[in-house]
Amino acid sequence: MASELKRIMYVEDEPDIRAVAELALAAVGGFEVALCESGEEALERAATFKPELILLDVMMPRLDGPETLLALREQPGLADIPVAFMTAKVQPSEIEAYKALGAIEVIAKPFDPMTLSDQVREIWNRSRN
């Protein structure tokens, strides 16, 4: 039973990157996208938006990506939503650490806006199998 990915929450504190990602995911990819500028905002909005996938920046002020992921895992109904980290820190040991926290994948920044949607769909499909 393969369902198509439609709803993505993107959590990123940098406005320029958020704008490019929104363009890449909504305009190019056709996804319904909820943009959050902080881990706190993601925690507030995730239950009502009901994302099917969360893209999470690693480096954010206050609540960083790993802390946000752990907090999401404690919320009823959000514990099983696949999360992919987006970061410039993509050494093999760093990627391993992110996956150990429960991320299904790590997307390198800077990302290519023209291929981000395909990359996200591929990650989603792999997580479903």
N, C-alpha and C. Protein backbone atom coordinates (compact mmCIF):
# COMPACT_ATOMS: atom_id res chain seq x y z
N MET A 1 0.85 -1.18 0.00
CA MET A 1 0.00 0.00 0.00
C MET A 1 0.89 1.24 0.00
N ALA A 2 1.29 1.69 -1.15
CA ALA A 2 2.16 2.86 -1.23
C ALA A 2 1.29 4.11 -1.35
N SER A 3 1.48 5.02 -0.43
CA SER A 3 0.76 6.28 -0.55
C SER A 3 1.76 7.34 -1.01
N GLU A 4 1.23 8.35 -1.64
CA GLU A 4 2.10 9.39 -2.16
C GLU A 4 2.32 10.46 -1.10
N LEU A 5 3.54 10.92 -1.01
CA LEU A 5 3.89 11.96 -0.05
C LEU A 5 3.26 13.29 -0.49
N LYS A 6 2.56 13.95 0.45
CA LYS A 6 1.92 15.22 0.12
C LYS A 6 2.30 16.34 1.08
N ARG A 7 2.38 16.04 2.38
CA ARG A 7 2.54 17.09 3.40
C ARG A 7 3.91 17.03 4.07
N ILE A 8 4.67 18.11 3.91
CA ILE A 8 6.01 18.19 4.47
C ILE A 8 6.11 19.39 5.40
N MET A 9 6.71 19.17 6.55
CA MET A 9 7.05 20.28 7.44
C MET A 9 8.55 20.52 7.29
N TYR A 10 8.91 21.78 7.04
CA TYR A 10 10.31 22.14 6.90
C TYR A 10 10.70 23.11 8.01
N VAL A 11 11.67 22.72 8.82
CA VAL A 11 12.08 23.50 9.98
C VAL A 11 13.48 24.04 9.73
N GLU A 12 13.57 25.36 9.64
CA GLU A 12 14.84 26.03 9.26
C GLU A 12 14.82 27.44 9.81
N ASP A 13 15.86 27.84 10.54
CA ASP A 13 15.88 29.18 11.14
C ASP A 13 16.33 30.26 10.17
N GLU A 14 16.95 29.89 9.07
CA GLU A 14 17.49 30.87 8.12
C GLU A 14 16.44 31.22 7.06
N PRO A 15 15.94 32.49 7.05
CA PRO A 15 14.85 32.85 6.13
C PRO A 15 15.15 32.60 4.66
N ASP A 16 16.37 32.88 4.20
CA ASP A 16 16.71 32.68 2.79
C ASP A 16 16.61 31.21 2.39
N ILE A 17 17.13 30.34 3.25
CA ILE A 17 17.09 28.91 2.96
C ILE A 17 15.65 28.41 3.00
N ARG A 18 14.87 28.92 3.96
CA ARG A 18 13.45 28.55 4.06
C ARG A 18 12.73 28.92 2.77
N ALA A 19 13.00 30.10 2.24
CA ALA A 19 12.33 30.57 1.02
C ALA A 19 12.69 29.69 -0.17
N VAL A 20 13.97 29.33 -0.30
CA VAL A 20 14.41 28.48 -1.41
C VAL A 20 13.79 27.09 -1.28
N ALA A 21 13.75 26.57 -0.06
CA ALA A 21 13.17 25.24 0.16
C ALA A 21 11.68 25.24 -0.14
N GLU A 22 11.00 26.32 0.24
CA GLU A 22 9.56 26.40 -0.04
C GLU A 22 9.33 26.37 -1.55
N LEU A 23 10.12 27.16 -2.28
CA LEU A 23 10.02 27.18 -3.73
C LEU A 23 10.28 25.78 -4.29
N ALA A 24 11.34 25.14 -3.81
CA ALA A 24 11.73 23.81 -4.30
C ALA A 24 10.65 22.77 -4.00
N LEU A 25 10.09 22.81 -2.81
CA LEU A 25 9.14 21.78 -2.40
C LEU A 25 7.71 22.06 -2.86
N ALA A 26 7.27 23.32 -2.77
CA ALA A 26 5.89 23.65 -3.13
C ALA A 26 5.75 23.89 -4.64
N ALA A 27 6.55 24.81 -5.18
CA ALA A 27 6.41 25.16 -6.60
C ALA A 27 6.93 24.06 -7.51
N VAL A 28 8.14 23.57 -7.25
CA VAL A 28 8.73 22.53 -8.11
C VAL A 28 8.13 21.16 -7.79
N GLY A 29 8.02 20.85 -6.50
CA GLY A 29 7.60 19.50 -6.10
C GLY A 29 6.10 19.30 -5.96
N GLY A 30 5.35 20.40 -5.79
CA GLY A 30 3.91 20.28 -5.64
C GLY A 30 3.46 19.81 -4.27
N PHE A 31 4.33 19.89 -3.28
CA PHE A 31 3.97 19.46 -1.94
C PHE A 31 3.22 20.57 -1.20
N GLU A 32 2.43 20.17 -0.21
CA GLU A 32 1.87 21.12 0.75
C GLU A 32 2.93 21.25 1.84
N VAL A 33 3.42 22.47 2.04
CA VAL A 33 4.56 22.67 2.93
C VAL A 33 4.20 23.60 4.09
N ALA A 34 4.54 23.17 5.29
CA ALA A 34 4.45 24.05 6.47
C ALA A 34 5.87 24.45 6.81
N LEU A 35 6.12 25.76 6.83
CA LEU A 35 7.45 26.26 7.16
C LEU A 35 7.48 26.68 8.62
N CYS A 36 8.51 26.26 9.32
CA CYS A 36 8.69 26.65 10.72
C CYS A 36 10.09 27.23 10.87
N GLU A 37 10.20 28.31 11.65
CA GLU A 37 11.51 28.94 11.80
C GLU A 37 12.24 28.51 13.06
N SER A 38 11.63 27.60 13.83
CA SER A 38 12.31 27.13 15.04
C SER A 38 11.78 25.76 15.43
N GLY A 39 12.56 25.08 16.25
CA GLY A 39 12.11 23.80 16.78
C GLY A 39 10.84 23.96 17.60
N GLU A 40 10.77 25.06 18.36
CA GLU A 40 9.58 25.32 19.18
C GLU A 40 8.33 25.45 18.31
N GLU A 41 8.47 26.19 17.20
CA GLU A 41 7.32 26.36 16.30
C GLU A 41 6.91 25.02 15.69
N ALA A 42 7.88 24.20 15.35
CA ALA A 42 7.57 22.88 14.79
C ALA A 42 6.78 22.05 15.80
N LEU A 43 7.19 22.09 17.06
CA LEU A 43 6.50 21.32 18.09
C LEU A 43 5.07 21.83 18.29
N GLU A 44 4.88 23.15 18.16
CA GLU A 44 3.53 23.72 18.31
C GLU A 44 2.63 23.35 17.13
N ARG A 45 3.19 23.32 15.92
CA ARG A 45 2.35 23.18 14.72
C ARG A 45 2.23 21.76 14.18
N ALA A 46 3.12 20.88 14.57
CA ALA A 46 3.15 19.54 13.95
C ALA A 46 1.84 18.77 14.14
N ALA A 47 1.27 18.81 15.33
CA ALA A 47 0.06 18.03 15.60
C ALA A 47 -1.11 18.48 14.72
N THR A 48 -1.24 19.79 14.49
CA THR A 48 -2.37 20.26 13.67
C THR A 48 -2.10 20.14 12.18
N PHE A 49 -0.84 20.33 11.75
CA PHE A 49 -0.52 20.21 10.32
C PHE A 49 -0.48 18.76 9.87
N LYS A 50 -0.12 17.86 10.77
CA LYS A 50 -0.02 16.42 10.47
C LYS A 50 0.89 16.13 9.27
N PRO A 51 2.17 16.51 9.37
CA PRO A 51 3.08 16.24 8.24
C PRO A 51 3.31 14.74 8.07
N GLU A 52 3.59 14.35 6.83
CA GLU A 52 3.93 12.95 6.56
C GLU A 52 5.45 12.77 6.62
N LEU A 53 6.16 13.89 6.50
CA LEU A 53 7.62 13.88 6.57
C LEU A 53 8.06 15.22 7.14
N ILE A 54 9.09 15.20 7.98
CA ILE A 54 9.63 16.43 8.54
C ILE A 54 11.08 16.57 8.11
N LEU A 55 11.40 17.73 7.53
CA LEU A 55 12.79 18.07 7.18
C LEU A 55 13.26 19.05 8.25
N LEU A 56 14.36 18.70 8.89
CA LEU A 56 14.78 19.40 10.09
C LEU A 56 16.21 19.89 9.98
N ASP A 57 16.39 21.20 10.09
CA ASP A 57 17.73 21.78 10.13
C ASP A 57 18.40 21.31 11.42
N VAL A 58 19.70 21.05 11.36
CA VAL A 58 20.42 20.59 12.55
C VAL A 58 20.80 21.77 13.45
N MET A 59 21.40 22.80 12.85
CA MET A 59 21.91 23.93 13.63
C MET A 59 20.86 25.03 13.73
N MET A 60 20.20 25.13 14.88
CA MET A 60 19.24 26.21 15.12
C MET A 60 19.46 26.73 16.53
N PRO A 61 19.15 28.01 16.76
CA PRO A 61 19.27 28.55 18.12
C PRO A 61 18.24 27.90 19.05
N ARG A 62 18.49 27.98 20.32
CA ARG A 62 17.62 27.41 21.37
C ARG A 62 17.46 25.90 21.18
N LEU A 63 16.39 25.47 20.53
CA LEU A 63 16.13 24.05 20.32
C LEU A 63 16.72 23.64 18.98
N ASP A 64 17.82 22.86 18.99
CA ASP A 64 18.42 22.47 17.71
C ASP A 64 17.69 21.27 17.10
N GLY A 65 18.14 20.83 15.94
CA GLY A 65 17.46 19.74 15.23
C GLY A 65 17.36 18.46 16.04
N PRO A 66 18.49 17.95 16.60
CA PRO A 66 18.40 16.73 17.40
C PRO A 66 17.47 16.87 18.61
N GLU A 67 17.49 18.01 19.27
CA GLU A 67 16.59 18.21 20.43
C GLU A 67 15.13 18.26 19.98
N THR A 68 14.89 18.89 18.83
CA THR A 68 13.54 18.96 18.29
C THR A 68 13.04 17.56 17.93
N LEU A 69 13.90 16.76 17.31
CA LEU A 69 13.53 15.39 16.97
C LEU A 69 13.14 14.60 18.22
N LEU A 70 13.95 14.70 19.26
CA LEU A 70 13.64 13.97 20.50
C LEU A 70 12.32 14.44 21.10
N ALA A 71 12.06 15.75 21.05
CA ALA A 71 10.80 16.29 21.58
C ALA A 71 9.61 15.82 20.75
N LEU A 72 9.77 15.77 19.41
CA LEU A 72 8.70 15.28 18.53
C LEU A 72 8.36 13.82 18.86
N ARG A 73 9.38 13.04 19.14
CA ARG A 73 9.19 11.61 19.42
C ARG A 73 8.38 11.37 20.68
N GLU A 74 8.32 12.39 21.55
CA GLU A 74 7.57 12.25 22.80
C GLU A 74 6.11 12.68 22.67
N GLN A 75 5.75 13.26 21.53
CA GLN A 75 4.37 13.73 21.34
C GLN A 75 3.51 12.64 20.71
N PRO A 76 2.34 12.38 21.30
CA PRO A 76 1.44 11.37 20.73
C PRO A 76 1.09 11.73 19.29
N GLY A 77 1.12 10.75 18.40
CA GLY A 77 0.77 10.97 17.01
C GLY A 77 1.91 11.48 16.15
N LEU A 78 3.02 11.89 16.77
CA LEU A 78 4.15 12.42 16.01
C LEU A 78 5.36 11.49 16.07
N ALA A 79 5.31 10.51 16.95
CA ALA A 79 6.47 9.65 17.19
C ALA A 79 6.93 8.88 15.95
N ASP A 80 6.00 8.58 15.05
CA ASP A 80 6.35 7.73 13.91
C ASP A 80 6.56 8.49 12.61
N ILE A 81 6.47 9.82 12.64
CA ILE A 81 6.66 10.60 11.42
C ILE A 81 8.14 10.55 11.04
N PRO A 82 8.44 10.15 9.80
CA PRO A 82 9.85 10.12 9.37
C PRO A 82 10.45 11.53 9.37
N VAL A 83 11.69 11.60 9.84
CA VAL A 83 12.41 12.87 9.91
C VAL A 83 13.74 12.72 9.17
N ALA A 84 14.04 13.71 8.32
CA ALA A 84 15.34 13.78 7.67
C ALA A 84 16.00 15.08 8.11
N PHE A 85 17.26 14.99 8.49
CA PHE A 85 18.01 16.19 8.85
C PHE A 85 18.57 16.84 7.59
N MET A 86 18.65 18.17 7.62
CA MET A 86 19.29 18.92 6.55
C MET A 86 20.43 19.72 7.17
N THR A 87 21.66 19.48 6.69
CA THR A 87 22.81 20.08 7.33
C THR A 87 24.02 20.11 6.41
N ALA A 88 24.92 21.03 6.70
CA ALA A 88 26.20 21.06 5.99
C ALA A 88 27.19 20.10 6.63
N LYS A 89 26.85 19.59 7.81
CA LYS A 89 27.74 18.67 8.52
C LYS A 89 27.43 17.24 8.08
N VAL A 90 28.14 16.79 7.05
CA VAL A 90 27.82 15.50 6.47
C VAL A 90 29.01 14.55 6.43
N GLN A 91 29.89 14.64 7.42
CA GLN A 91 30.94 13.63 7.56
C GLN A 91 30.25 12.31 7.91
N PRO A 92 30.82 11.17 7.48
CA PRO A 92 30.19 9.88 7.79
C PRO A 92 29.86 9.70 9.27
N SER A 93 30.73 10.13 10.16
CA SER A 93 30.47 9.97 11.60
C SER A 93 29.29 10.84 12.03
N GLU A 94 29.15 12.02 11.43
CA GLU A 94 28.03 12.90 11.76
C GLU A 94 26.72 12.30 11.26
N ILE A 95 26.74 11.79 10.03
CA ILE A 95 25.54 11.17 9.47
C ILE A 95 25.12 9.98 10.32
N GLU A 96 26.09 9.16 10.73
CA GLU A 96 25.80 8.02 11.61
C GLU A 96 25.13 8.47 12.90
N ALA A 97 25.65 9.55 13.49
CA ALA A 97 25.09 10.07 14.74
C ALA A 97 23.64 10.53 14.55
N TYR A 98 23.36 11.21 13.43
CA TYR A 98 22.00 11.68 13.17
C TYR A 98 21.04 10.49 12.99
N LYS A 99 21.52 9.48 12.28
CA LYS A 99 20.67 8.30 12.07
C LYS A 99 20.46 7.54 13.38
N ALA A 100 21.47 7.55 14.24
CA ALA A 100 21.34 6.90 15.55
C ALA A 100 20.25 7.59 16.39
N LEU A 101 20.05 8.88 16.15
CA LEU A 101 19.00 9.63 16.86
C LEU A 101 17.61 9.29 16.31
N GLY A 102 17.57 8.68 15.13
CA GLY A 102 16.28 8.30 14.57
C GLY A 102 15.96 8.94 13.23
N ALA A 103 16.88 9.72 12.68
CA ALA A 103 16.64 10.32 11.35
C ALA A 103 16.69 9.22 10.29
N ILE A 104 15.82 9.31 9.30
CA ILE A 104 15.83 8.30 8.24
C ILE A 104 16.87 8.62 7.18
N GLU A 105 17.28 9.89 7.10
CA GLU A 105 18.25 10.30 6.09
C GLU A 105 18.83 11.65 6.46
N VAL A 106 19.93 12.00 5.81
CA VAL A 106 20.55 13.31 5.98
C VAL A 106 20.72 13.92 4.58
N ILE A 107 20.17 15.11 4.39
CA ILE A 107 20.29 15.82 3.12
C ILE A 107 21.35 16.90 3.29
N ALA A 108 22.31 16.91 2.40
CA ALA A 108 23.42 17.86 2.49
C ALA A 108 22.97 19.26 2.07
N LYS A 109 23.45 20.25 2.81
CA LYS A 109 23.28 21.65 2.43
C LYS A 109 24.63 22.14 1.94
N PRO A 110 24.67 23.03 0.97
CA PRO A 110 23.48 23.54 0.27
C PRO A 110 22.87 22.48 -0.64
N PHE A 111 21.55 22.45 -0.70
CA PHE A 111 20.84 21.49 -1.55
C PHE A 111 20.54 22.14 -2.89
N ASP A 112 20.26 21.32 -3.89
CA ASP A 112 19.89 21.81 -5.21
C ASP A 112 18.36 21.96 -5.25
N PRO A 113 17.86 23.21 -5.38
CA PRO A 113 16.41 23.41 -5.36
C PRO A 113 15.68 22.65 -6.46
N MET A 114 16.35 22.39 -7.57
CA MET A 114 15.69 21.71 -8.68
C MET A 114 15.55 20.21 -8.44
N THR A 115 16.39 19.64 -7.57
CA THR A 115 16.32 18.19 -7.35
C THR A 115 15.86 17.83 -5.93
N LEU A 116 15.65 18.83 -5.07
CA LEU A 116 15.27 18.54 -3.68
C LEU A 116 14.00 17.71 -3.58
N SER A 117 12.98 18.06 -4.36
CA SER A 117 11.71 17.32 -4.29
C SER A 117 11.88 15.85 -4.65
N ASP A 118 12.66 15.59 -5.71
CA ASP A 118 12.91 14.20 -6.10
C ASP A 118 13.67 13.47 -5.00
N GLN A 119 14.64 14.16 -4.42
CA GLN A 119 15.44 13.57 -3.33
C GLN A 119 14.53 13.21 -2.14
N VAL A 120 13.63 14.14 -1.81
CA VAL A 120 12.71 13.93 -0.69
C VAL A 120 11.77 12.76 -0.99
N ARG A 121 11.24 12.71 -2.22
CA ARG A 121 10.34 11.59 -2.60
C ARG A 121 11.07 10.25 -2.49
N GLU A 122 12.32 10.24 -2.93
CA GLU A 122 13.12 9.01 -2.88
C GLU A 122 13.33 8.56 -1.42
N ILE A 123 13.64 9.49 -0.56
CA ILE A 123 13.82 9.20 0.87
C ILE A 123 12.51 8.67 1.45
N TRP A 124 11.42 9.32 1.12
CA TRP A 124 10.07 8.91 1.59
C TRP A 124 9.78 7.48 1.14
N ASN A 125 10.01 7.20 -0.15
CA ASN A 125 9.71 5.86 -0.68
C ASN A 125 10.58 4.80 -0.01
N ARG A 126 11.86 5.11 0.21
CA ARG A 126 12.74 4.16 0.90
C ARG A 126 12.27 3.91 2.34
N SER A 127 11.76 4.94 2.99
CA SER A 127 11.33 4.80 4.38
C SER A 127 10.05 3.97 4.49
N ARG A 128 9.30 3.85 3.39
CA ARG A 128 8.03 3.13 3.39
C ARG A 128 8.23 1.64 3.15
N ASN A 129 9.41 1.27 2.65
CA ASN A 129 9.63 -0.15 2.30
C ASN A 129 10.29 -0.91 3.43
